[in-house]
């Protein structure tokens, strides 16, 4: 029996084809991890809800403010949510998810 390290006996794929496929999947996985980073999701939701609650606070009537003992709770909560959402998005921008390590040709355990 001859030693043919380039082709698998069962699959018919070369080792290089398998390495290319694995590398492509790793790159897609890294891209998906950056896209669905939890900081992006949390920051985006807090900004959206913060805008909504802040607008509700700006449009509150005096009866709603009196009900909260003189504090415009919607306005302050909305501003707090906006600040938290912006914090998460700035954090994502300043400290992005690390990219996948570069692929080195020849790896694969020959």
PDB file of N, CA and C in Angstrom:
ATOM      1  N   UNK A   1       0.842  -1.177   0.000  1.00  0.00           N
ATOM      2  CA  UNK A   1       0.000   0.000   0.000  1.00  0.00           C
ATOM      3  C   UNK A   1       0.885   1.237   0.000  1.00  0.00           C
ATOM      4  N   UNK A   2       0.607   2.192  -0.860  1.00  0.00           N
ATOM      5  CA  UNK A   2       1.432   3.390  -0.965  1.00  0.00           C
ATOM      6  C   UNK A   2       0.927   4.467  -0.027  1.00  0.00           C
ATOM      7  N   UNK A   3       1.850   5.324   0.418  1.00  0.00           N
ATOM      8  CA  UNK A   3       1.510   6.437   1.308  1.00  0.00           C
ATOM      9  C   UNK A   3       1.155   7.650   0.455  1.00  0.00           C
ATOM     10  N   UNK A   4      -0.097   7.977   0.410  1.00  0.00           N
ATOM     11  CA  UNK A   4      -0.555   9.127  -0.358  1.00  0.00           C
ATOM     12  C   UNK A   4      -1.164  10.116   0.627  1.00  0.00           C
ATOM     13  N   UNK A   5      -0.343  11.087   1.108  1.00  0.00           N
ATOM     14  CA  UNK A   5      -0.796  12.016   2.141  1.00  0.00           C
ATOM     15  C   UNK A   5      -1.675  13.117   1.582  1.00  0.00           C
ATOM     16  N   UNK A   6      -1.739  13.218   0.251  1.00  0.00           N
ATOM     17  CA  UNK A   6      -2.508  14.321  -0.312  1.00  0.00           C
ATOM     18  C   UNK A   6      -3.987  13.973  -0.464  1.00  0.00           C
ATOM     19  N   UNK A   7      -4.316  12.710  -0.635  1.00  0.00           N
ATOM     20  CA  UNK A   7      -5.712  12.312  -0.816  1.00  0.00           C
ATOM     21  C   UNK A   7      -6.114  11.334   0.274  1.00  0.00           C
ATOM     22  N   UNK A   8      -7.314  11.530   0.784  1.00  0.00           N
ATOM     23  CA  UNK A   8      -7.875  10.618   1.766  1.00  0.00           C
ATOM     24  C   UNK A   8      -8.462   9.432   1.005  1.00  0.00           C
ATOM     25  N   UNK A   9      -8.371   8.248   1.578  1.00  0.00           N
ATOM     26  CA  UNK A   9      -8.885   7.060   0.917  1.00  0.00           C
ATOM     27  C   UNK A   9     -10.401   7.083   0.841  1.00  0.00           C
ATOM     28  N   UNK A  10     -11.055   7.704   1.820  1.00  0.00           N
ATOM     29  CA  UNK A  10     -12.507   7.615   1.910  1.00  0.00           C
ATOM     30  C   UNK A  10     -13.226   8.795   1.271  1.00  0.00           C
ATOM     31  N   UNK A  11     -12.737   9.994   1.424  1.00  0.00           N
ATOM     32  CA  UNK A  11     -13.512  11.156   1.007  1.00  0.00           C
ATOM     33  C   UNK A  11     -13.167  11.661  -0.392  1.00  0.00           C
ATOM     34  N   UNK A  12     -11.991  11.468  -0.858  1.00  0.00           N
ATOM     35  CA  UNK A  12     -11.605  11.964  -2.156  1.00  0.00           C
ATOM     36  C   UNK A  12     -11.173  13.421  -2.157  1.00  0.00           C
ATOM     37  N   UNK A  13     -11.160  14.063  -0.995  1.00  0.00           N
ATOM     38  CA  UNK A  13     -10.730  15.456  -0.869  1.00  0.00           C
ATOM     39  C   UNK A  13      -9.265  15.502  -0.480  1.00  0.00           C
ATOM     40  N   UNK A  14      -8.546  16.464  -1.029  1.00  0.00           N
ATOM     41  CA  UNK A  14      -7.150  16.607  -0.650  1.00  0.00           C
ATOM     42  C   UNK A  14      -7.067  17.321   0.703  1.00  0.00           C
ATOM     43  N   UNK A  15      -5.953  17.174   1.340  1.00  0.00           N
ATOM     44  CA  UNK A  15      -5.737  17.822   2.634  1.00  0.00           C
ATOM     45  C   UNK A  15      -5.799  19.336   2.501  1.00  0.00           C
ATOM     46  N   UNK A  16      -5.321  19.850   1.376  1.00  0.00           N
ATOM     47  CA  UNK A  16      -5.368  21.288   1.126  1.00  0.00           C
ATOM     48  C   UNK A  16      -6.809  21.778   1.000  1.00  0.00           C
ATOM     49  N   UNK A  17      -7.682  20.994   0.365  1.00  0.00           N
ATOM     50  CA  UNK A  17      -9.097  21.369   0.245  1.00  0.00           C
ATOM     51  C   UNK A  17      -9.743  21.452   1.629  1.00  0.00           C
ATOM     52  N   UNK A  18      -9.433  20.497   2.462  1.00  0.00           N
ATOM     53  CA  UNK A  18      -9.993  20.488   3.812  1.00  0.00           C
ATOM     54  C   UNK A  18      -9.482  21.681   4.606  1.00  0.00           C
ATOM     55  N   UNK A  19      -8.194  21.992   4.488  1.00  0.00           N
ATOM     56  CA  UNK A  19      -7.629  23.146   5.200  1.00  0.00           C
ATOM     57  C   UNK A  19      -8.254  24.451   4.718  1.00  0.00           C
ATOM     58  N   UNK A  20      -8.477  24.574   3.406  1.00  0.00           N
ATOM     59  CA  UNK A  20      -9.121  25.780   2.882  1.00  0.00           C
ATOM     60  C   UNK A  20     -10.546  25.911   3.407  1.00  0.00           C
ATOM     61  N   UNK A  21     -11.256  24.811   3.457  1.00  0.00           N
ATOM     62  CA  UNK A  21     -12.639  24.829   3.961  1.00  0.00           C
ATOM     63  C   UNK A  21     -12.681  25.200   5.441  1.00  0.00           C
ATOM     64  N   UNK A  22     -11.779  24.650   6.231  1.00  0.00           N
ATOM     65  CA  UNK A  22     -11.706  24.983   7.654  1.00  0.00           C
ATOM     66  C   UNK A  22     -11.371  26.451   7.848  1.00  0.00           C
ATOM     67  N   UNK A  23     -10.430  26.961   7.070  1.00  0.00           N
ATOM     68  CA  UNK A  23     -10.058  28.375   7.168  1.00  0.00           C
ATOM     69  C   UNK A  23     -11.229  29.279   6.804  1.00  0.00           C
ATOM     70  N   UNK A  24     -11.965  28.918   5.779  1.00  0.00           N
ATOM     71  CA  UNK A  24     -13.122  29.715   5.373  1.00  0.00           C
ATOM     72  C   UNK A  24     -14.183  29.720   6.469  1.00  0.00           C
ATOM     73  N   UNK A  25     -14.413  28.575   7.085  1.00  0.00           N
ATOM     74  CA  UNK A  25     -15.394  28.501   8.173  1.00  0.00           C
ATOM     75  C   UNK A  25     -14.945  29.297   9.393  1.00  0.00           C
ATOM     76  N   UNK A  26     -13.644  29.288   9.688  1.00  0.00           N
ATOM     77  CA  UNK A  26     -13.128  30.073  10.812  1.00  0.00           C
ATOM     78  C   UNK A  26     -13.304  31.565  10.559  1.00  0.00           C
ATOM     79  N   UNK A  27     -13.080  32.007   9.328  1.00  0.00           N
ATOM     80  CA  UNK A  27     -13.259  33.424   8.997  1.00  0.00           C
ATOM     81  C   UNK A  27     -14.724  33.823   9.114  1.00  0.00           C
ATOM     82  N   UNK A  28     -15.639  32.967   8.642  1.00  0.00           N
ATOM     83  CA  UNK A  28     -17.075  33.248   8.767  1.00  0.00           C
ATOM     84  C   UNK A  28     -17.481  33.295  10.232  1.00  0.00           C
ATOM     85  N   UNK A  29     -16.935  32.404  11.031  1.00  0.00           N
ATOM     86  CA  UNK A  29     -17.255  32.375  12.451  1.00  0.00           C
ATOM     87  C   UNK A  29     -16.789  33.643  13.153  1.00  0.00           C
ATOM     88  N   UNK A  30     -15.596  34.113  12.825  1.00  0.00           N
ATOM     89  CA  UNK A  30     -15.074  35.343  13.419  1.00  0.00           C
ATOM     90  C   UNK A  30     -15.915  36.543  13.006  1.00  0.00           C
ATOM     91  N   UNK A  31     -16.352  36.569  11.749  1.00  0.00           N
ATOM     92  CA  UNK A  31     -17.207  37.657  11.276  1.00  0.00           C
ATOM     93  C   UNK A  31     -18.542  37.638  11.999  1.00  0.00           C
ATOM     94  N   UNK A  32     -19.119  36.461  12.185  1.00  0.00           N
ATOM     95  CA  UNK A  32     -20.390  36.348  12.906  1.00  0.00           C
ATOM     96  C   UNK A  32     -20.227  36.756  14.360  1.00  0.00           C
ATOM     97  N   UNK A  33     -19.098  36.419  14.962  1.00  0.00           N
ATOM     98  CA  UNK A  33     -18.858  36.796  16.357  1.00  0.00           C
ATOM     99  C   UNK A  33     -18.778  38.310  16.499  1.00  0.00           C
ATOM    100  N   UNK A  34     -18.134  38.976  15.539  1.00  0.00           N
ATOM    101  CA  UNK A  34     -18.067  40.441  15.588  1.00  0.00           C
ATOM    102  C   UNK A  34     -19.436  41.050  15.341  1.00  0.00           C
ATOM    103  N   UNK A  35     -20.198  40.480  14.417  1.00  0.00           N
ATOM    104  CA  UNK A  35     -21.506  41.021  14.070  1.00  0.00           C
ATOM    105  C   UNK A  35     -22.489  40.886  15.232  1.00  0.00           C
ATOM    106  N   UNK A  36     -22.466  39.762  15.913  1.00  0.00           N
ATOM    107  CA  UNK A  36     -23.414  39.507  16.983  1.00  0.00           C
ATOM    108  C   UNK A  36     -22.781  39.667  18.360  1.00  0.00           C
ATOM    109  N   UNK A  37     -21.817  40.557  18.468  1.00  0.00           N
ATOM    110  CA  UNK A  37     -21.202  40.857  19.759  1.00  0.00           C
ATOM    111  C   UNK A  37     -22.288  41.355  20.703  1.00  0.00           C
ATOM    112  N   UNK A  38     -22.336  40.826  21.909  1.00  0.00           N
ATOM    113  CA  UNK A  38     -23.399  41.148  22.862  1.00  0.00           C
ATOM    114  C   UNK A  38     -23.406  42.636  23.207  1.00  0.00           C
ATOM    115  N   UNK A  39     -22.250  43.282  23.134  1.00  0.00           N
ATOM    116  CA  UNK A  39     -22.199  44.719  23.420  1.00  0.00           C
ATOM    117  C   UNK A  39     -22.980  45.508  22.383  1.00  0.00           C
ATOM    118  N   UNK A  40     -22.952  45.066  21.147  1.00  0.00           N
ATOM    119  CA  UNK A  40     -23.698  45.738  20.077  1.00  0.00           C
ATOM    120  C   UNK A  40     -25.199  45.586  20.310  1.00  0.00           C
ATOM    121  N   UNK A  41     -25.615  44.406  20.681  1.00  0.00           N
ATOM    122  CA  UNK A  41     -27.037  44.148  20.903  1.00  0.00           C
ATOM    123  C   UNK A  41     -27.541  44.926  22.115  1.00  0.00           C
ATOM    124  N   UNK A  42     -26.836  44.824  23.236  1.00  0.00           N
ATOM    125  CA  UNK A  42     -27.257  45.527  24.448  1.00  0.00           C
ATOM    126  C   UNK A  42     -27.222  47.038  24.230  1.00  0.00           C
ATOM    127  N   UNK A  43     -26.148  47.550  23.658  1.00  0.00           N
ATOM    128  CA  UNK A  43     -26.033  48.985  23.419  1.00  0.00           C
ATOM    129  C   UNK A  43     -27.123  49.501  22.501  1.00  0.00           C
ATOM    130  N   UNK A  44     -27.393  48.775  21.440  1.00  0.00           N
ATOM    131  CA  UNK A  44     -28.430  49.193  20.499  1.00  0.00           C
ATOM    132  C   UNK A  44     -29.807  49.220  21.135  1.00  0.00           C
ATOM    133  N   UNK A  45     -30.126  48.177  21.908  1.00  0.00           N
ATOM    134  CA  UNK A  45     -31.428  48.148  22.571  1.00  0.00           C
ATOM    135  C   UNK A  45     -31.572  49.265  23.596  1.00  0.00           C
ATOM    136  N   UNK A  46     -30.532  49.511  24.381  1.00  0.00           N
ATOM    137  CA  UNK A  46     -30.619  50.583  25.371  1.00  0.00           C
ATOM    138  C   UNK A  46     -30.747  51.951  24.715  1.00  0.00           C
ATOM    139  N   UNK A  47     -30.081  52.160  23.595  1.00  0.00           N
ATOM    140  CA  UNK A  47     -30.215  53.444  22.896  1.00  0.00           C
ATOM    141  C   UNK A  47     -31.641  53.604  22.362  1.00  0.00           C
ATOM    142  N   UNK A  48     -32.177  52.568  21.739  1.00  0.00           N
ATOM    143  CA  UNK A  48     -33.540  52.650  21.192  1.00  0.00           C
ATOM    144  C   UNK A  48     -34.558  52.904  22.302  1.00  0.00           C
ATOM    145  N   UNK A  49     -34.498  52.086  23.366  1.00  0.00           N
ATOM    146  CA  UNK A  49     -35.450  52.269  24.467  1.00  0.00           C
ATOM    147  C   UNK A  49     -35.205  53.585  25.193  1.00  0.00           C
ATOM    148  N   UNK A  50     -33.958  54.003  25.283  1.00  0.00           N
ATOM    149  CA  UNK A  50     -33.649  55.274  25.924  1.00  0.00           C
ATOM    150  C   UNK A  50     -34.266  56.445  25.189  1.00  0.00           C
ATOM    151  N   UNK A  51     -34.218  56.402  23.866  1.00  0.00           N
ATOM    152  CA  UNK A  51     -34.845  57.461  23.067  1.00  0.00           C
ATOM    153  C   UNK A  51     -36.351  57.483  23.306  1.00  0.00           C
ATOM    154  N   UNK A  52     -36.970  56.308  23.301  1.00  0.00           N
ATOM    155  CA  UNK A  52     -38.421  56.223  23.506  1.00  0.00           C
ATOM    156  C   UNK A  52     -38.818  56.754  24.882  1.00  0.00           C
ATOM    157  N   UNK A  53     -38.115  56.318  25.926  1.00  0.00           N
ATOM    158  CA  UNK A  53     -38.461  56.739  27.285  1.00  0.00           C
ATOM    159  C   UNK A  53     -38.142  58.222  27.488  1.00  0.00           C
ATOM    160  N   UNK A  54     -37.069  58.722  26.885  1.00  0.00           N
ATOM    161  CA  UNK A  54     -36.747  60.150  26.993  1.00  0.00           C
ATOM    162  C   UNK A  54     -37.831  60.996  26.334  1.00  0.00           C
ATOM    163  N   UNK A  55     -38.308  60.580  25.178  1.00  0.00           N
ATOM    164  CA  UNK A  55     -39.397  61.310  24.522  1.00  0.00           C
ATOM    165  C   UNK A  55     -40.652  61.275  25.396  1.00  0.00           C
ATOM    166  N   UNK A  56     -40.922  60.122  26.004  1.00  0.00           N
ATOM    167  CA  UNK A  56     -42.074  60.040  26.916  1.00  0.00           C
ATOM    168  C   UNK A  56     -41.889  60.996  28.086  1.00  0.00           C
ATOM    169  N   UNK A  57     -40.659  61.122  28.587  1.00  0.00           N
ATOM    170  CA  UNK A  57     -40.388  62.037  29.692  1.00  0.00           C
ATOM    171  C   UNK A  57     -40.540  63.495  29.295  1.00  0.00           C
ATOM    172  N   UNK A  58     -40.157  63.816  28.071  1.00  0.00           N
ATOM    173  CA  UNK A  58     -40.283  65.190  27.597  1.00  0.00           C
ATOM    174  C   UNK A  58     -41.742  65.580  27.367  1.00  0.00           C
ATOM    175  N   UNK A  59     -42.584  64.599  27.074  1.00  0.00           N
ATOM    176  CA  UNK A  59     -43.987  64.888  26.787  1.00  0.00           C
ATOM    177  C   UNK A  59     -44.908  64.619  27.976  1.00  0.00           C
ATOM    178  N   UNK A  60     -44.340  64.224  29.129  1.00  0.00           N
ATOM    179  CA  UNK A  60     -45.165  63.984  30.322  1.00  0.00           C
ATOM    180  C   UNK A  60     -45.881  65.256  30.745  1.00  0.00           C
ATOM    181  N   UNK A  61     -47.101  65.083  31.239  1.00  0.00           N
ATOM    182  CA  UNK A  61     -47.816  66.234  31.785  1.00  0.00           C
ATOM    183  C   UNK A  61     -47.509  66.366  33.283  1.00  0.00           C
ATOM    184  N   UNK A  62     -47.961  67.425  33.857  1.00  0.00           N
ATOM    185  CA  UNK A  62     -47.652  67.713  35.261  1.00  0.00           C
ATOM    186  C   UNK A  62     -48.241  66.659  36.203  1.00  0.00           C
ATOM    187  N   UNK A  63     -49.361  66.055  35.835  1.00  0.00           N
ATOM    188  CA  UNK A  63     -49.986  65.026  36.679  1.00  0.00           C
ATOM    189  C   UNK A  63     -49.062  63.807  36.819  1.00  0.00           C
ATOM    190  N   UNK A  64     -48.410  63.415  35.737  1.00  0.00           N
ATOM    191  CA  UNK A  64     -47.493  62.273  35.788  1.00  0.00           C
ATOM    192  C   UNK A  64     -46.275  62.604  36.646  1.00  0.00           C
ATOM    193  N   UNK A  65     -45.800  63.836  36.559  1.00  0.00           N
ATOM    194  CA  UNK A  65     -44.638  64.246  37.365  1.00  0.00           C
ATOM    195  C   UNK A  65     -45.022  64.327  38.836  1.00  0.00           C
ATOM    196  N   UNK A  66     -46.207  64.835  39.124  1.00  0.00           N
ATOM    197  CA  UNK A  66     -46.675  64.890  40.509  1.00  0.00           C
ATOM    198  C   UNK A  66     -46.863  63.492  41.086  1.00  0.00           C
ATOM    199  N   UNK A  67     -47.297  62.561  40.263  1.00  0.00           N
ATOM    200  CA  UNK A  67     -47.484  61.175  40.706  1.00  0.00           C
ATOM    201  C   UNK A  67     -46.153  60.562  41.151  1.00  0.00           C
ATOM    202  N   UNK A  68     -45.046  61.010  40.557  1.00  0.00           N
ATOM    203  CA  UNK A  68     -43.706  60.516  40.904  1.00  0.00           C
ATOM    204  C   UNK A  68     -43.026  61.450  41.898  1.00  0.00           C
ATOM    205  N   UNK A  69     -43.823  62.146  42.694  1.00  0.00           N
ATOM    206  CA  UNK A  69     -43.343  63.051  43.743  1.00  0.00           C
ATOM    207  C   UNK A  69     -42.433  64.152  43.196  1.00  0.00           C
ATOM    208  N   UNK A  70     -42.810  64.711  42.063  1.00  0.00           N
ATOM    209  CA  UNK A  70     -42.100  65.855  41.511  1.00  0.00           C
ATOM    210  C   UNK A  70     -40.893  65.528  40.662  1.00  0.00           C
ATOM    211  N   UNK A  71     -40.608  64.249  40.443  1.00  0.00           N
ATOM    212  CA  UNK A  71     -39.446  63.853  39.640  1.00  0.00           C
ATOM    213  C   UNK A  71     -39.942  63.356  38.282  1.00  0.00           C
ATOM    214  N   UNK A  72     -39.361  63.880  37.234  1.00  0.00           N
ATOM    215  CA  UNK A  72     -39.706  63.405  35.892  1.00  0.00           C
ATOM    216  C   UNK A  72     -38.944  62.101  35.653  1.00  0.00           C
ATOM    217  N   UNK A  73     -39.500  61.007  36.180  1.00  0.00           N
ATOM    218  CA  UNK A  73     -38.799  59.720  36.197  1.00  0.00           C
ATOM    219  C   UNK A  73     -38.543  59.184  34.790  1.00  0.00           C
ATOM    220  N   UNK A  74     -39.460  59.417  33.869  1.00  0.00           N
ATOM    221  CA  UNK A  74     -39.247  58.947  32.493  1.00  0.00           C
ATOM    222  C   UNK A  74     -38.065  59.655  31.839  1.00  0.00           C
ATOM    223  N   UNK A  75     -37.958  60.947  32.073  1.00  0.00           N
ATOM    224  CA  UNK A  75     -36.849  61.699  31.488  1.00  0.00           C
ATOM    225  C   UNK A  75     -35.508  61.207  32.031  1.00  0.00           C
ATOM    226  N   UNK A  76     -35.409  61.080  33.335  1.00  0.00           N
ATOM    227  CA  UNK A  76     -34.139  60.651  33.936  1.00  0.00           C
ATOM    228  C   UNK A  76     -33.798  59.199  33.601  1.00  0.00           C
ATOM    229  N   UNK A  77     -34.799  58.342  33.600  1.00  0.00           N
ATOM    230  CA  UNK A  77     -34.547  56.943  33.235  1.00  0.00           C
ATOM    231  C   UNK A  77     -34.135  56.833  31.771  1.00  0.00           C
ATOM    232  N   UNK A  78     -34.798  57.577  30.892  1.00  0.00           N
ATOM    233  CA  UNK A  78     -34.454  57.566  29.470  1.00  0.00           C
ATOM    234  C   UNK A  78     -33.044  58.065  29.219  1.00  0.00           C
ATOM    235  N   UNK A  79     -32.660  59.143  29.911  1.00  0.00           N
ATOM    236  CA  UNK A  79     -31.293  59.656  29.756  1.00  0.00           C
ATOM    237  C   UNK A  79     -30.264  58.643  30.268  1.00  0.00           C
ATOM    238  N   UNK A  80     -30.593  57.992  31.378  1.00  0.00           N
ATOM    239  CA  UNK A  80     -29.694  56.956  31.905  1.00  0.00           C
ATOM    240  C   UNK A  80     -29.541  55.797  30.936  1.00  0.00           C
ATOM    241  N   UNK A  81     -30.644  55.392  30.330  1.00  0.00           N
ATOM    242  CA  UNK A  81     -30.588  54.308  29.348  1.00  0.00           C
ATOM    243  C   UNK A  81     -29.781  54.722  28.115  1.00  0.00           C
ATOM    244  N   UNK A  82     -29.966  55.957  27.685  1.00  0.00           N
ATOM    245  CA  UNK A  82     -29.178  56.459  26.556  1.00  0.00           C
ATOM    246  C   UNK A  82     -27.687  56.433  26.863  1.00  0.00           C
ATOM    247  N   UNK A  83     -27.328  56.904  28.043  1.00  0.00           N
ATOM    248  CA  UNK A  83     -25.907  56.911  28.423  1.00  0.00           C
ATOM    249  C   UNK A  83     -25.338  55.496  28.490  1.00  0.00           C
ATOM    250  N   UNK A  84     -26.097  54.571  29.052  1.00  0.00           N
ATOM    251  CA  UNK A  84     -25.619  53.189  29.135  1.00  0.00           C
ATOM    252  C   UNK A  84     -25.459  52.579  27.744  1.00  0.00           C
ATOM    253  N   UNK A  85     -26.430  52.808  26.867  1.00  0.00           N
ATOM    254  CA  UNK A  85     -26.338  52.293  25.500  1.00  0.00           C
ATOM    255  C   UNK A  85     -25.152  52.872  24.751  1.00  0.00           C
ATOM    256  N   UNK A  86     -24.934  54.176  24.912  1.00  0.00           N
ATOM    257  CA  UNK A  86     -23.786  54.820  24.259  1.00  0.00           C
ATOM    258  C   UNK A  86     -22.480  54.273  24.827  1.00  0.00           C
ATOM    259  N   UNK A  87     -22.444  54.025  26.141  1.00  0.00           N
ATOM    260  CA  UNK A  87     -21.255  53.431  26.757  1.00  0.00           C
ATOM    261  C   UNK A  87     -20.918  52.088  26.108  1.00  0.00           C
ATOM    262  N   UNK A  88     -21.924  51.217  25.934  1.00  0.00           N
ATOM    263  CA  UNK A  88     -21.682  49.906  25.329  1.00  0.00           C
ATOM    264  C   UNK A  88     -21.196  50.040  23.893  1.00  0.00           C
ATOM    265  N   UNK A  89     -21.766  50.957  23.130  1.00  0.00           N
ATOM    266  CA  UNK A  89     -21.358  51.119  21.735  1.00  0.00           C
ATOM    267  C   UNK A  89     -19.956  51.724  21.620  1.00  0.00           C
ATOM    268  N   UNK A  90     -19.618  52.648  22.515  1.00  0.00           N
ATOM    269  CA  UNK A  90     -18.260  53.218  22.514  1.00  0.00           C
ATOM    270  C   UNK A  90     -17.250  52.147  22.923  1.00  0.00           C
ATOM    271  N   UNK A  91     -17.614  51.343  23.920  1.00  0.00           N
ATOM    272  CA  UNK A  91     -16.750  50.241  24.364  1.00  0.00           C
ATOM    273  C   UNK A  91     -16.496  49.285  23.198  1.00  0.00           C
ATOM    274  N   UNK A  92     -17.530  48.971  22.436  1.00  0.00           N
ATOM    275  CA  UNK A  92     -17.382  48.092  21.279  1.00  0.00           C
ATOM    276  C   UNK A  92     -16.438  48.711  20.250  1.00  0.00           C
ATOM    277  N   UNK A  93     -16.552  50.022  20.049  1.00  0.00           N
ATOM    278  CA  UNK A  93     -15.718  50.708  19.058  1.00  0.00           C
ATOM    279  C   UNK A  93     -14.251  50.766  19.507  1.00  0.00           C
ATOM    280  N   UNK A  94     -14.032  51.020  20.804  1.00  0.00           N
ATOM    281  CA  UNK A  94     -12.664  51.155  21.306  1.00  0.00           C
ATOM    282  C   UNK A  94     -11.969  49.807  21.507  1.00  0.00           C
ATOM    283  N   UNK A  95     -12.719  48.787  21.868  1.00  0.00           N
ATOM    284  CA  UNK A  95     -12.155  47.453  22.120  1.00  0.00           C
ATOM    285  C   UNK A  95     -12.903  46.409  21.299  1.00  0.00           C
ATOM    286  N   UNK A  96     -12.714  46.385  19.975  1.00  0.00           N
ATOM    287  CA  UNK A  96     -13.458  45.435  19.140  1.00  0.00           C
ATOM    288  C   UNK A  96     -13.025  44.002  19.415  1.00  0.00           C
ATOM    289  N   UNK A  97     -13.860  43.080  18.978  1.00  0.00           N
ATOM    290  CA  UNK A  97     -13.538  41.664  19.105  1.00  0.00           C
ATOM    291  C   UNK A  97     -12.269  41.376  18.319  1.00  0.00           C
ATOM    292  N   UNK A  98     -11.378  40.595  18.903  1.00  0.00           N
ATOM    293  CA  UNK A  98     -10.100  40.284  18.251  1.00  0.00           C
ATOM    294  C   UNK A  98     -10.346  39.508  16.970  1.00  0.00           C
ATOM    295  N   UNK A  99      -9.634  39.853  15.908  1.00  0.00           N
ATOM    296  CA  UNK A  99      -9.795  39.102  14.659  1.00  0.00           C
ATOM    297  C   UNK A  99      -9.213  37.700  14.799  1.00  0.00           C
ATOM    298  N   UNK A 100      -9.612  36.840  13.901  1.00  0.00           N
ATOM    299  CA  UNK A 100      -9.092  35.477  13.901  1.00  0.00           C
ATOM    300  C   UNK A 100      -7.586  35.496  13.667  1.00  0.00           C
ATOM    301  N   UNK A 101      -6.839  34.584  14.282  1.00  0.00           N
ATOM    302  CA  UNK A 101      -5.396  34.556  14.053  1.00  0.00           C
ATOM    303  C   UNK A 101      -5.098  34.271  12.598  1.00  0.00           C
ATOM    304  N   UNK A 102      -4.011  34.858  12.075  1.00  0.00           N
ATOM    305  CA  UNK A 102      -3.697  34.646  10.657  1.00  0.00           C
ATOM    306  C   UNK A 102      -3.383  33.182  10.376  1.00  0.00           C
ATOM    307  N   UNK A 103      -3.776  32.785   9.207  1.00  0.00           N
ATOM    308  CA  UNK A 103      -3.577  31.399   8.780  1.00  0.00           C
ATOM    309  C   UNK A 103      -2.148  31.246   8.276  1.00  0.00           C
ATOM    310  N   UNK A 104      -1.473  30.209   8.723  1.00  0.00           N
ATOM    311  CA  UNK A 104      -0.100  29.940   8.279  1.00  0.00           C
ATOM    312  C   UNK A 104      -0.117  28.743   7.365  1.00  0.00           C
ATOM    313  N   UNK A 105       0.392  28.924   6.162  1.00  0.00           N
ATOM    314  CA  UNK A 105       0.455  27.831   5.189  1.00  0.00           C
ATOM    315  C   UNK A 105       1.369  26.736   5.717  1.00  0.00           C
ATOM    316  N   UNK A 106       0.972  25.514   5.469  1.00  0.00           N
ATOM    317  CA  UNK A 106       1.811  24.394   5.879  1.00  0.00           C
ATOM    318  C   UNK A 106       1.407  23.805   7.210  1.00  0.00           C
ATOM    319  N   UNK A 107       0.494  24.453   7.939  1.00  0.00           N
ATOM    320  CA  UNK A 107       0.025  23.869   9.193  1.00  0.00           C
ATOM    321  C   UNK A 107      -0.899  22.729   8.856  1.00  0.00           C
ATOM    322  N   UNK A 108      -0.988  21.787   9.724  1.00  0.00           N
ATOM    323  CA  UNK A 108      -1.886  20.675   9.483  1.00  0.00           C
ATOM    324  C   UNK A 108      -1.304  19.352   9.889  1.00  0.00           C
ATOM    325  N   UNK A 109      -0.135  19.358  10.461  1.00  0.00           N
ATOM    326  CA  UNK A 109       0.447  18.133  11.016  1.00  0.00           C
ATOM    327  C   UNK A 109       0.916  17.149   9.967  1.00  0.00           C
ATOM    328  N   UNK A 110       1.885  17.503   9.190  1.00  0.00           N
ATOM    329  CA  UNK A 110       2.433  16.580   8.206  1.00  0.00           C
ATOM    330  C   UNK A 110       3.367  15.624   8.861  1.00  0.00           C
TER     331      UNK A 110
END
